[in-house]
Amino acid sequence: MKAHDGMYIDGAWRPAAGQDVIEVVNPADEQVIGTVPAGTAEDVDAAVRAARAALPAWAATPPAERAARLAALRDVLAARADEIAGTVTAELGSPPKFSQSVHAGVPIAVAGSYAELAATYAFEEKVGNSAVYHEPIGVVAAITPWNYPLHQIVAKAAPALAAGCTVVLKPAEDTPLVARLFAQAVHEAGVPAGVFNLVTGLGPVAGQALAEHPGVDLVSFTGSTAVGRRIGAIAAGAVKKVALELGGKSANVILPSADLARAVNVGVANVMSNSGQTCSAWTRMLVHREQYDEAVELAAAAAAKYGDRIGPVVSARQRERVRGYIGQGVAEGARLVAGGPEAPRPKGYFVRPTVFADVTPEMTIAQEEIFGPVLSVIRYEDEEDALRIANGTVYGLAGAVWAGDEAEAVAFARRMETGQVDINGGRFNPLAPFGGYKQSGVGRELGAHGLSEYLQTKSLQF
């Protein structure tokens, strides 16, 4: 076990204000692998003050220079990709290959995309007799989750830095070690002191202090809808901007003309990825009644192949939450065709890849975000019924549509109340805006739309 001391504030590692620590547990074997300081309001205040002091100079730094720092950050992250992947595997339990390709690879790509955007974005434009300037909003509080720990940090910090903002990061307490690696990379990349700051700690203490701090201009949060509501309420009191990427219960709509086997297999893989701990996972598979029984058989067979291939969920708390939902699904009349609540291994926070059939749209497992490897297969009568079911939750983060004709899939997707839809297995695009409708949040991440969240607009008339 390694004790990691200090907070990264104003360009240096400083002792924490308090003595309390947070233990970091490897969810695969339940062993403590390290500790980090449990930050206090005093630590948060020091970090915000450093960010405020650094803001004028960084905001005035030419975009080309900000782009150069981001390019250097990308290069440092790329050089440390193996260390990043190993750290995520240790603190999240992600399988090594997935950690390498996704948990390390995607953030490197996103950092690179913002290095390019910072150099090419139109921070100034002419509109009639007006000059319009897009200026940094100020100090950003970035509060990030544990499920994609480095990706969510980069998806907030990189556009904020590109925009000319300064940042205080409060990472999830379950996965703080990769956040420390990111702070080291920022330092090595030559980002000026105070522009990026890191405070580790618990959400109700450090997270709340950061959201409430009067020196913060924008709170960017990814996590549960319940906490998002709380942050929104705090920010509203100060008329402070928020960007919230919250929960999801995304529908995977398989139209009758689709390649059923491919749609089901890709759909199951999507749900099992990252042990089901993905806010945009397609956890509701909607299948036409005439193809339903075949789809259920295909889904059960596909899920069975993941038994030894997925990692654990992040914590004992999360494991019991997921098992509770599985039990509730059975109690409400859904039929288990794969998996179940029983522990698959004697050690570690593992959950069996689970598929439910005979799920009705009003069941708890079809309405609430489970955040584990659990799929609900739902029958629909016709296209209008499928649309009603797809749109029939409080969430609207992501989704998928499959059809033999792409135009048919696009027409259906345009009617879905959701922020991002994959057509016939469309690939992830780090430049496309990501974010939700309804209670899945406000604002967008990634690409130019993600950069614009950290900017405010001024016009001069001539």
Protein backbone atom coordinates (compact mmCIF):
# COMPACT_ATOMS: atom_id res chain seq x y z
CA MET A 1 0.00 0.00 0.00
CA LYS A 2 1.28 3.45 -0.88
CA ALA A 3 0.31 6.66 0.90
CA HIS A 4 -0.04 9.55 -1.54
CA ASP A 5 0.40 12.82 0.30
CA GLY A 6 -0.61 16.34 -0.58
CA MET A 7 -2.78 18.26 -2.97
CA TYR A 8 -1.58 19.75 -6.26
CA ILE A 9 -2.18 23.48 -5.74
CA ASP A 10 -0.53 26.44 -7.47
CA GLY A 11 1.95 24.28 -9.33
CA ALA A 12 3.25 22.23 -6.39
CA TRP A 13 2.29 19.36 -4.10
CA ARG A 14 1.24 20.82 -0.75
CA PRO A 15 0.32 19.14 2.53
CA ALA A 16 -3.40 18.73 3.09
CA ALA A 17 -5.06 20.90 5.71
CA GLY A 18 -6.35 17.88 7.65
CA GLN A 19 -5.04 14.48 8.64
CA ASP A 20 -7.85 12.26 7.35
CA VAL A 21 -7.20 9.95 4.41
CA ILE A 22 -9.25 7.96 1.91
CA GLU A 23 -8.35 4.34 1.32
CA VAL A 24 -8.26 3.20 -2.31
CA VAL A 25 -9.39 -0.41 -2.76
CA ASN A 26 -8.69 -2.74 -5.66
CA PRO A 27 -12.20 -4.07 -6.45
CA ALA A 28 -10.84 -7.28 -7.97
CA ASP A 29 -9.28 -8.55 -4.72
CA GLU A 30 -10.65 -6.12 -2.09
CA GLN A 31 -7.15 -5.10 -1.00
CA VAL A 32 -6.24 -1.54 -0.04
CA ILE A 33 -3.69 -0.32 -2.58
CA GLY A 34 -3.14 3.22 -1.37
CA THR A 35 -4.42 6.28 0.41
CA VAL A 36 -4.97 9.90 -0.59
CA PRO A 37 -5.74 12.95 1.57
CA ALA A 38 -9.38 13.65 2.38
CA GLY A 39 -9.57 17.30 1.40
CA THR A 40 -11.39 19.93 3.43
CA ALA A 41 -13.02 23.27 2.69
CA GLU A 42 -9.66 24.84 3.57
CA ASP A 43 -7.92 22.84 0.83
CA VAL A 44 -10.64 23.79 -1.65
CA ASP A 45 -10.31 27.46 -0.76
CA ALA A 46 -6.54 27.36 -1.32
CA ALA A 47 -7.03 25.71 -4.72
CA VAL A 48 -9.71 28.17 -5.85
CA ARG A 49 -7.60 31.13 -4.73
CA ALA A 50 -4.68 29.78 -6.76
CA ALA A 51 -6.93 29.33 -9.79
CA ARG A 52 -8.31 32.88 -9.46
CA ALA A 53 -4.82 34.34 -9.19
CA ALA A 54 -3.68 32.46 -12.31
CA LEU A 55 -6.77 33.30 -14.36
CA PRO A 56 -5.87 36.74 -15.84
CA ALA A 57 -2.54 35.62 -17.28
CA TRP A 58 -3.86 32.32 -18.62
CA ALA A 59 -6.95 33.96 -20.15
CA ALA A 60 -4.66 36.44 -21.89
CA THR A 61 -2.33 33.72 -23.18
CA PRO A 62 -2.65 33.45 -26.99
CA PRO A 63 -4.71 30.43 -28.10
CA ALA A 64 -1.71 29.08 -30.00
CA GLU A 65 0.28 28.88 -26.76
CA ARG A 66 -2.59 27.24 -24.91
CA ALA A 67 -2.75 24.75 -27.80
CA ALA A 68 0.96 24.04 -27.41
CA ARG A 69 0.53 23.24 -23.70
CA LEU A 70 -2.35 20.90 -24.52
CA ALA A 71 -0.30 19.19 -27.22
CA ALA A 72 2.48 18.71 -24.68
CA LEU A 73 -0.05 17.29 -22.21
CA ARG A 74 -1.26 14.83 -24.85
CA ASP A 75 2.31 13.72 -25.46
CA VAL A 76 3.01 13.22 -21.75
CA LEU A 77 -0.18 11.18 -21.35
CA ALA A 78 0.79 9.08 -24.37
CA ALA A 79 4.25 8.44 -22.93
CA ARG A 80 2.68 7.31 -19.65
CA ALA A 81 -0.13 5.26 -21.21
CA ASP A 82 1.03 1.99 -19.65
CA GLU A 83 1.21 3.54 -16.19
CA ILE A 84 -2.23 5.08 -16.66
CA ALA A 85 -3.75 1.79 -17.78
CA GLY A 86 -2.18 -0.10 -14.88
CA THR A 87 -3.44 2.45 -12.39
CA VAL A 88 -7.01 2.29 -13.71
CA THR A 89 -6.91 -1.50 -13.66
CA ALA A 90 -5.80 -1.40 -10.03
CA GLU A 91 -8.31 1.13 -8.71
CA LEU A 92 -11.31 0.44 -10.98
CA GLY A 93 -10.82 -3.26 -11.74
CA SER A 94 -10.96 -2.75 -15.50
CA PRO A 95 -9.41 -5.58 -17.57
CA PRO A 96 -5.93 -4.57 -18.78
CA LYS A 97 -6.75 -4.51 -22.50
CA PHE A 98 -9.78 -2.31 -21.92
CA SER A 99 -7.76 -0.05 -19.66
CA GLN A 100 -5.12 0.34 -22.35
CA SER A 101 -7.43 0.95 -25.30
CA VAL A 102 -10.22 2.95 -23.63
CA HIS A 103 -9.22 4.29 -20.23
CA ALA A 104 -5.81 5.42 -21.50
CA GLY A 105 -6.35 5.67 -25.24
CA VAL A 106 -9.53 7.76 -25.39
CA PRO A 107 -8.31 10.56 -23.07
CA ILE A 108 -5.12 10.87 -25.11
CA ALA A 109 -7.22 11.31 -28.26
CA VAL A 110 -9.51 13.84 -26.57
CA ALA A 111 -6.56 15.86 -25.26
CA GLY A 112 -5.16 15.92 -28.78
CA SER A 113 -8.48 17.08 -30.21
CA TYR A 114 -8.50 20.09 -27.89
CA ALA A 115 -4.91 20.95 -28.76
CA GLU A 116 -6.10 21.25 -32.35
CA LEU A 117 -9.31 23.10 -31.45
CA ALA A 118 -7.50 25.63 -29.28
CA ALA A 119 -5.38 26.57 -32.30
CA THR A 120 -8.27 26.82 -34.78
CA TYR A 121 -11.38 27.89 -32.80
CA ALA A 122 -12.93 31.24 -33.78
CA PHE A 123 -12.58 33.08 -30.46
CA GLU A 124 -13.36 36.30 -32.37
CA GLU A 125 -15.84 36.88 -35.17
CA LYS A 126 -17.54 39.69 -37.07
CA VAL A 127 -21.34 39.86 -37.08
CA GLY A 128 -22.65 42.83 -39.06
CA ASN A 129 -21.41 45.97 -37.34
CA SER A 130 -20.40 44.02 -34.22
CA ALA A 131 -17.23 42.32 -33.10
CA VAL A 132 -18.07 39.22 -31.08
CA TYR A 133 -15.58 37.79 -28.61
CA HIS A 134 -15.76 34.36 -26.98
CA GLU A 135 -13.97 34.71 -23.65
CA PRO A 136 -13.16 32.25 -20.85
CA ILE A 137 -15.89 31.98 -18.26
CA GLY A 138 -13.38 31.94 -15.39
CA VAL A 139 -12.57 29.40 -12.69
CA VAL A 140 -14.01 25.95 -13.37
CA ALA A 141 -14.86 23.39 -10.69
CA ALA A 142 -14.55 19.96 -12.33
CA ILE A 143 -16.17 17.20 -10.28
CA THR A 144 -15.65 13.84 -11.95
CA PRO A 145 -16.92 10.24 -11.55
CA TRP A 146 -15.15 6.94 -11.09
CA ASN A 147 -16.41 4.94 -14.07
CA TYR A 148 -14.14 6.51 -16.74
CA PRO A 149 -11.84 8.36 -14.37
CA LEU A 150 -9.23 9.83 -16.71
CA HIS A 151 -11.57 10.35 -19.67
CA GLN A 152 -13.95 12.42 -17.57
CA ILE A 153 -11.08 14.51 -16.21
CA VAL A 154 -9.74 15.23 -19.69
CA ALA A 155 -13.22 15.87 -21.11
CA LYS A 156 -13.56 18.74 -18.61
CA ALA A 157 -10.03 20.00 -18.03
CA ALA A 158 -8.85 20.02 -21.66
CA PRO A 159 -11.65 22.24 -23.07
CA ALA A 160 -11.50 24.48 -20.00
CA LEU A 161 -7.77 25.01 -20.50
CA ALA A 162 -8.25 25.49 -24.24
CA ALA A 163 -10.84 28.19 -23.52
CA GLY A 164 -8.47 30.07 -21.21
CA CYS A 165 -10.14 29.00 -17.95
CA THR A 166 -8.38 27.78 -14.84
CA VAL A 167 -9.46 24.55 -13.14
CA VAL A 168 -9.90 22.96 -9.73
CA LEU A 169 -10.49 19.21 -10.02
CA LYS A 170 -12.21 17.07 -7.37
CA PRO A 171 -12.05 13.46 -8.65
CA ALA A 172 -14.19 10.59 -7.40
CA GLU A 173 -12.95 9.17 -4.10
CA ASP A 174 -13.03 5.60 -5.48
CA THR A 175 -10.53 6.33 -8.26
CA PRO A 176 -8.27 9.25 -7.25
CA LEU A 177 -4.91 7.75 -8.21
CA VAL A 178 -5.16 8.36 -11.95
CA ALA A 179 -6.15 11.97 -11.16
CA ARG A 180 -2.78 12.36 -9.44
CA LEU A 181 -1.07 11.02 -12.56
CA PHE A 182 -2.96 13.62 -14.58
CA ALA A 183 -1.77 16.41 -12.27
CA GLN A 184 1.80 15.18 -12.72
CA ALA A 185 1.30 15.19 -16.50
CA VAL A 186 -0.06 18.76 -16.40
CA HIS A 187 3.03 19.84 -14.46
CA GLU A 188 5.38 18.05 -16.85
CA ALA A 189 3.62 19.63 -19.84
CA GLY A 190 4.52 23.09 -18.59
CA VAL A 191 1.06 24.37 -17.75
CA PRO A 192 1.64 27.46 -15.55
CA ALA A 193 1.22 27.26 -11.79
CA GLY A 194 -2.35 27.71 -10.58
CA VAL A 195 -3.95 27.01 -13.95
CA PHE A 196 -4.78 23.44 -12.91
CA ASN A 197 -5.27 22.34 -9.29
CA LEU A 198 -6.24 19.03 -7.70
CA VAL A 199 -8.05 18.43 -4.42
CA THR A 200 -8.93 14.86 -3.47
CA GLY A 201 -11.74 14.27 -1.02
CA LEU A 202 -15.28 13.14 -0.34
CA GLY A 203 -18.19 14.54 -2.30
CA PRO A 204 -20.22 15.87 0.65
CA VAL A 205 -17.14 17.67 1.99
CA ALA A 206 -14.70 18.73 -0.73
CA GLY A 207 -17.20 18.45 -3.58
CA GLN A 208 -19.82 20.56 -1.88
CA ALA A 209 -17.27 23.14 -0.74
CA LEU A 210 -16.08 23.45 -4.33
CA ALA A 211 -19.58 23.81 -5.77
CA GLU A 212 -20.46 26.44 -3.15
CA HIS A 213 -17.25 28.45 -3.40
CA PRO A 214 -17.91 32.06 -4.49
CA GLY A 215 -14.67 32.07 -6.46
CA VAL A 216 -15.94 29.40 -8.86
CA ASP A 217 -17.67 30.58 -12.05
CA LEU A 218 -18.77 27.24 -13.53
CA VAL A 219 -19.36 23.81 -12.05
CA SER A 220 -18.93 20.91 -14.47
CA PHE A 221 -20.21 17.71 -12.91
CA THR A 222 -20.63 14.15 -14.12
CA GLY A 223 -22.48 11.69 -11.91
CA SER A 224 -25.88 10.80 -10.58
CA THR A 225 -28.98 12.82 -11.32
CA ALA A 226 -29.64 13.21 -7.59
CA VAL A 227 -26.28 14.87 -6.98
CA GLY A 228 -26.67 16.89 -10.17
CA ARG A 229 -29.90 18.35 -8.83
CA ARG A 230 -28.12 19.31 -5.61
CA ILE A 231 -25.28 21.00 -7.49
CA GLY A 232 -27.78 22.81 -9.71
CA ALA A 233 -29.60 24.12 -6.65
CA ILE A 234 -26.35 25.32 -5.08
CA ALA A 235 -25.27 27.05 -8.29
CA ALA A 236 -28.67 28.69 -8.80
CA GLY A 237 -28.26 30.58 -5.53
CA ALA A 238 -25.25 32.38 -7.00
CA VAL A 239 -26.52 32.40 -10.62
CA LYS A 240 -23.51 30.26 -11.42
CA LYS A 241 -23.33 28.29 -14.65
CA VAL A 242 -23.45 24.50 -14.49
CA ALA A 243 -22.71 21.75 -16.99
CA LEU A 244 -24.25 18.47 -15.86
CA GLU A 245 -23.76 15.05 -17.46
CA LEU A 246 -26.05 12.80 -15.45
CA GLY A 247 -27.81 9.44 -15.60
CA GLY A 248 -29.08 7.40 -18.51
CA LYS A 249 -31.39 4.53 -19.38
CA SER A 250 -30.67 4.32 -23.07
CA ALA A 251 -32.76 2.35 -25.54
CA ASN A 252 -31.30 0.03 -28.18
CA VAL A 253 -34.10 -0.11 -30.74
CA ILE A 254 -33.91 -3.03 -33.17
CA LEU A 255 -36.34 -2.47 -36.04
CA PRO A 256 -37.68 -5.55 -37.90
CA SER A 257 -35.53 -4.91 -40.97
CA ALA A 258 -32.27 -4.99 -38.98
CA ASP A 259 -29.63 -7.72 -38.89
CA LEU A 260 -30.98 -9.17 -35.65
CA ALA A 261 -27.97 -11.26 -34.65
CA ARG A 262 -25.52 -8.40 -35.12
CA ALA A 263 -27.75 -5.88 -33.36
CA VAL A 264 -28.21 -8.16 -30.35
CA ASN A 265 -24.55 -9.15 -30.07
CA VAL A 266 -23.32 -5.57 -30.31
CA GLY A 267 -26.02 -4.48 -27.89
CA VAL A 268 -24.99 -7.03 -25.28
CA ALA A 269 -21.33 -6.07 -25.70
CA ASN A 270 -22.27 -2.42 -25.16
CA VAL A 271 -23.99 -3.20 -21.86
CA MET A 272 -21.20 -5.44 -20.56
CA SER A 273 -18.45 -2.96 -21.46
CA ASN A 274 -16.75 -1.50 -18.36
CA SER A 275 -18.82 -3.96 -16.28
CA GLY A 276 -21.96 -2.05 -17.18
CA GLN A 277 -20.65 1.11 -15.51
CA THR A 278 -21.33 3.41 -18.43
CA CYS A 279 -23.91 6.18 -18.26
CA SER A 280 -24.67 5.89 -21.98
CA ALA A 281 -25.01 2.06 -22.01
CA TRP A 282 -27.94 0.68 -24.04
CA THR A 283 -29.51 -1.07 -21.07
CA ARG A 284 -32.96 -1.44 -22.66
CA MET A 285 -33.09 -3.62 -25.79
CA LEU A 286 -36.36 -3.08 -27.69
CA VAL A 287 -37.33 -5.90 -30.07
CA HIS A 288 -40.41 -6.43 -32.26
CA ARG A 289 -42.78 -9.09 -30.88
CA GLU A 290 -42.24 -11.41 -33.89
CA GLN A 291 -38.46 -11.46 -33.31
CA TYR A 292 -38.54 -11.27 -29.54
CA ASP A 293 -37.98 -14.92 -28.60
CA GLU A 294 -35.05 -15.24 -30.99
CA ALA A 295 -33.51 -12.04 -29.66
CA VAL A 296 -33.81 -13.27 -26.07
CA GLU A 297 -32.00 -16.51 -26.96
CA LEU A 298 -29.27 -14.60 -28.75
CA ALA A 299 -28.85 -12.16 -25.85
CA ALA A 300 -28.64 -14.94 -23.26
CA ALA A 301 -26.02 -16.79 -25.30
CA ALA A 302 -24.01 -13.61 -25.85
CA ALA A 303 -24.08 -12.68 -22.15
CA ALA A 304 -22.87 -16.14 -21.15
CA LYS A 305 -19.61 -15.48 -23.02
CA TYR A 306 -18.80 -12.53 -20.76
CA GLY A 307 -18.70 -14.46 -17.50
CA ASP A 308 -14.91 -14.43 -17.21
CA ARG A 309 -14.26 -11.43 -19.44
CA ILE A 310 -15.61 -8.49 -17.47
CA GLY A 311 -14.08 -6.95 -14.40
CA PRO A 312 -15.71 -6.22 -11.07
CA VAL A 313 -17.85 -3.21 -10.29
CA VAL A 314 -16.05 -0.48 -8.43
CA SER A 315 -17.01 -1.15 -4.80
CA ALA A 316 -18.92 -3.34 -2.39
CA ARG A 317 -21.56 -0.63 -2.23
CA GLN A 318 -22.01 -0.68 -5.99
CA ARG A 319 -22.09 -4.48 -6.08
CA GLU A 320 -24.92 -4.59 -3.55
CA ARG A 321 -26.78 -1.87 -5.43
CA VAL A 322 -26.65 -3.89 -8.66
CA ARG A 323 -27.61 -7.14 -6.94
CA GLY A 324 -30.53 -5.32 -5.34
CA TYR A 325 -31.83 -4.28 -8.73
CA ILE A 326 -31.50 -7.84 -10.03
CA GLY A 327 -33.54 -9.09 -7.08
CA GLN A 328 -36.12 -6.40 -7.67
CA GLY A 329 -36.41 -7.40 -11.32
CA VAL A 330 -37.19 -10.97 -10.33
CA ALA A 331 -39.67 -9.80 -7.68
CA GLU A 332 -41.54 -7.66 -10.21
CA GLY A 333 -41.96 -10.58 -12.63
CA ALA A 334 -39.10 -10.26 -15.10
CA ARG A 335 -37.57 -13.55 -16.25
CA LEU A 336 -33.87 -14.22 -15.75
CA VAL A 337 -32.34 -15.80 -18.85
CA ALA A 338 -28.69 -15.18 -17.93
CA GLY A 339 -26.84 -14.31 -14.75
CA GLY A 340 -28.54 -13.43 -11.50
CA PRO A 341 -27.76 -11.99 -8.07
CA GLU A 342 -25.46 -14.79 -6.90
CA ALA A 343 -21.78 -13.92 -6.47
CA PRO A 344 -19.71 -15.42 -9.33
CA ARG A 345 -16.46 -15.43 -7.35
CA PRO A 346 -15.56 -15.72 -3.66
CA LYS A 347 -13.41 -12.57 -3.76
CA GLY A 348 -13.84 -9.22 -5.45
CA TYR A 349 -16.86 -7.07 -6.29
CA PHE A 350 -17.98 -9.13 -9.27
CA VAL A 351 -21.52 -9.29 -10.66
CA ARG A 352 -22.74 -11.94 -13.09
CA PRO A 353 -23.56 -10.66 -16.61
CA THR A 354 -27.34 -10.62 -16.42
CA VAL A 355 -30.15 -10.56 -18.99
CA PHE A 356 -33.84 -10.18 -18.21
CA ALA A 357 -36.68 -11.13 -20.55
CA ASP A 358 -40.40 -10.35 -20.23
CA VAL A 359 -39.54 -6.87 -18.97
CA THR A 360 -42.37 -4.35 -19.19
CA PRO A 361 -41.64 -0.64 -19.60
CA GLU A 362 -42.90 0.34 -16.16
CA MET A 363 -40.71 -2.10 -14.21
CA THR A 364 -38.01 -0.62 -12.00
CA ILE A 365 -35.22 -2.27 -13.99
CA ALA A 366 -36.59 -0.60 -17.14
CA GLN A 367 -36.83 2.84 -15.57
CA GLU A 368 -33.90 3.31 -13.18
CA GLU A 369 -30.19 3.41 -13.91
CA ILE A 370 -28.60 0.25 -12.50
CA PHE A 371 -24.96 0.93 -13.47
CA GLY A 372 -23.97 -2.70 -13.73
CA PRO A 373 -23.90 -5.52 -16.32
CA VAL A 374 -27.70 -5.88 -16.51
CA LEU A 375 -29.77 -5.84 -19.72
CA SER A 376 -33.56 -5.66 -20.02
CA VAL A 377 -35.09 -7.03 -23.23
CA ILE A 378 -38.45 -5.38 -23.93
CA ARG A 379 -41.08 -6.39 -26.48
CA TYR A 380 -42.81 -3.81 -28.70
CA GLU A 381 -45.80 -4.10 -31.04
CA ASP A 382 -45.02 -1.60 -33.78
CA GLU A 383 -42.79 1.40 -34.46
CA GLU A 384 -44.96 3.86 -32.56
CA ASP A 385 -44.96 1.54 -29.56
CA ALA A 386 -41.17 1.29 -29.77
CA LEU A 387 -40.89 5.07 -29.83
CA ARG A 388 -43.20 5.42 -26.84
CA ILE A 389 -41.12 2.93 -24.85
CA ALA A 390 -37.79 4.45 -25.94
CA ASN A 391 -38.91 7.92 -24.84
CA GLY A 392 -40.70 6.66 -21.74
CA THR A 393 -38.12 7.40 -19.04
CA VAL A 394 -36.91 10.57 -17.34
CA TYR A 395 -33.55 10.12 -19.07
CA GLY A 396 -32.34 10.98 -22.54
CA LEU A 397 -28.59 10.53 -22.77
CA ALA A 398 -27.88 8.09 -25.59
CA GLY A 399 -29.33 5.23 -27.61
CA ALA A 400 -29.07 3.12 -30.73
CA VAL A 401 -31.23 2.25 -33.73
CA TRP A 402 -30.75 -0.69 -36.08
CA ALA A 403 -32.47 -1.09 -39.45
CA GLY A 404 -31.78 -2.63 -42.83
CA ASP A 405 -32.08 0.80 -44.40
CA GLU A 406 -30.00 3.59 -42.86
CA ALA A 407 -32.62 6.22 -43.73
CA GLU A 408 -35.20 4.24 -41.78
CA ALA A 409 -32.93 4.18 -38.74
CA VAL A 410 -32.18 7.90 -39.01
CA ALA A 411 -35.87 8.76 -39.27
CA PHE A 412 -36.57 6.85 -36.06
CA ALA A 413 -33.53 8.30 -34.27
CA ARG A 414 -34.63 11.85 -35.07
CA ARG A 415 -37.81 11.20 -33.05
CA MET A 416 -35.96 9.91 -29.98
CA GLU A 417 -35.68 12.29 -27.03
CA THR A 418 -31.99 11.71 -26.46
CA GLY A 419 -28.71 13.49 -27.00
CA GLN A 420 -26.71 10.93 -28.97
CA VAL A 421 -27.80 7.95 -31.07
CA ASP A 422 -25.64 5.34 -32.79
CA ILE A 423 -26.96 4.17 -36.16
CA ASN A 424 -26.31 0.51 -37.02
CA GLY A 425 -23.36 0.37 -34.63
CA GLY A 426 -21.82 3.74 -35.49
CA ARG A 427 -18.34 4.30 -34.06
CA PHE A 428 -17.48 6.61 -31.16
CA ASN A 429 -16.51 10.08 -32.35
CA PRO A 430 -14.47 12.20 -29.87
CA LEU A 431 -15.42 15.36 -31.77
CA ALA A 432 -19.19 14.82 -31.61
CA PRO A 433 -21.12 16.59 -28.83
CA PHE A 434 -22.08 14.33 -25.94
CA GLY A 435 -24.80 15.14 -23.44
CA GLY A 436 -28.41 14.52 -22.60
CA TYR A 437 -32.01 15.59 -22.84
CA LYS A 438 -34.40 15.72 -19.86
CA GLN A 439 -32.90 14.57 -16.54
CA SER A 440 -29.73 13.33 -18.23
CA GLY A 441 -28.30 16.81 -17.82
CA VAL A 442 -27.56 20.17 -19.39
CA GLY A 443 -24.67 21.15 -21.64
CA ARG A 444 -22.40 19.16 -23.91
CA GLU A 445 -18.94 17.65 -23.74
CA LEU A 446 -16.35 16.88 -26.44
CA GLY A 447 -15.45 18.74 -29.61
CA ALA A 448 -16.27 22.36 -30.36
CA HIS A 449 -19.57 22.11 -28.47
CA GLY A 450 -17.67 21.01 -25.38
CA LEU A 451 -15.28 23.95 -25.72
CA SER A 452 -18.15 26.43 -25.99
CA GLU A 453 -19.42 25.40 -22.52
CA TYR A 454 -16.39 27.15 -21.00
CA LEU A 455 -16.83 30.40 -22.90
CA GLN A 456 -18.98 33.49 -22.46
CA THR A 457 -19.82 35.93 -25.22
CA LYS A 458 -19.19 39.67 -25.50
CA SER A 459 -20.13 41.93 -28.40
CA LEU A 460 -18.79 45.36 -29.35
CA GLN A 461 -20.86 47.52 -31.71
CA PHE A 462 -19.26 49.94 -34.16
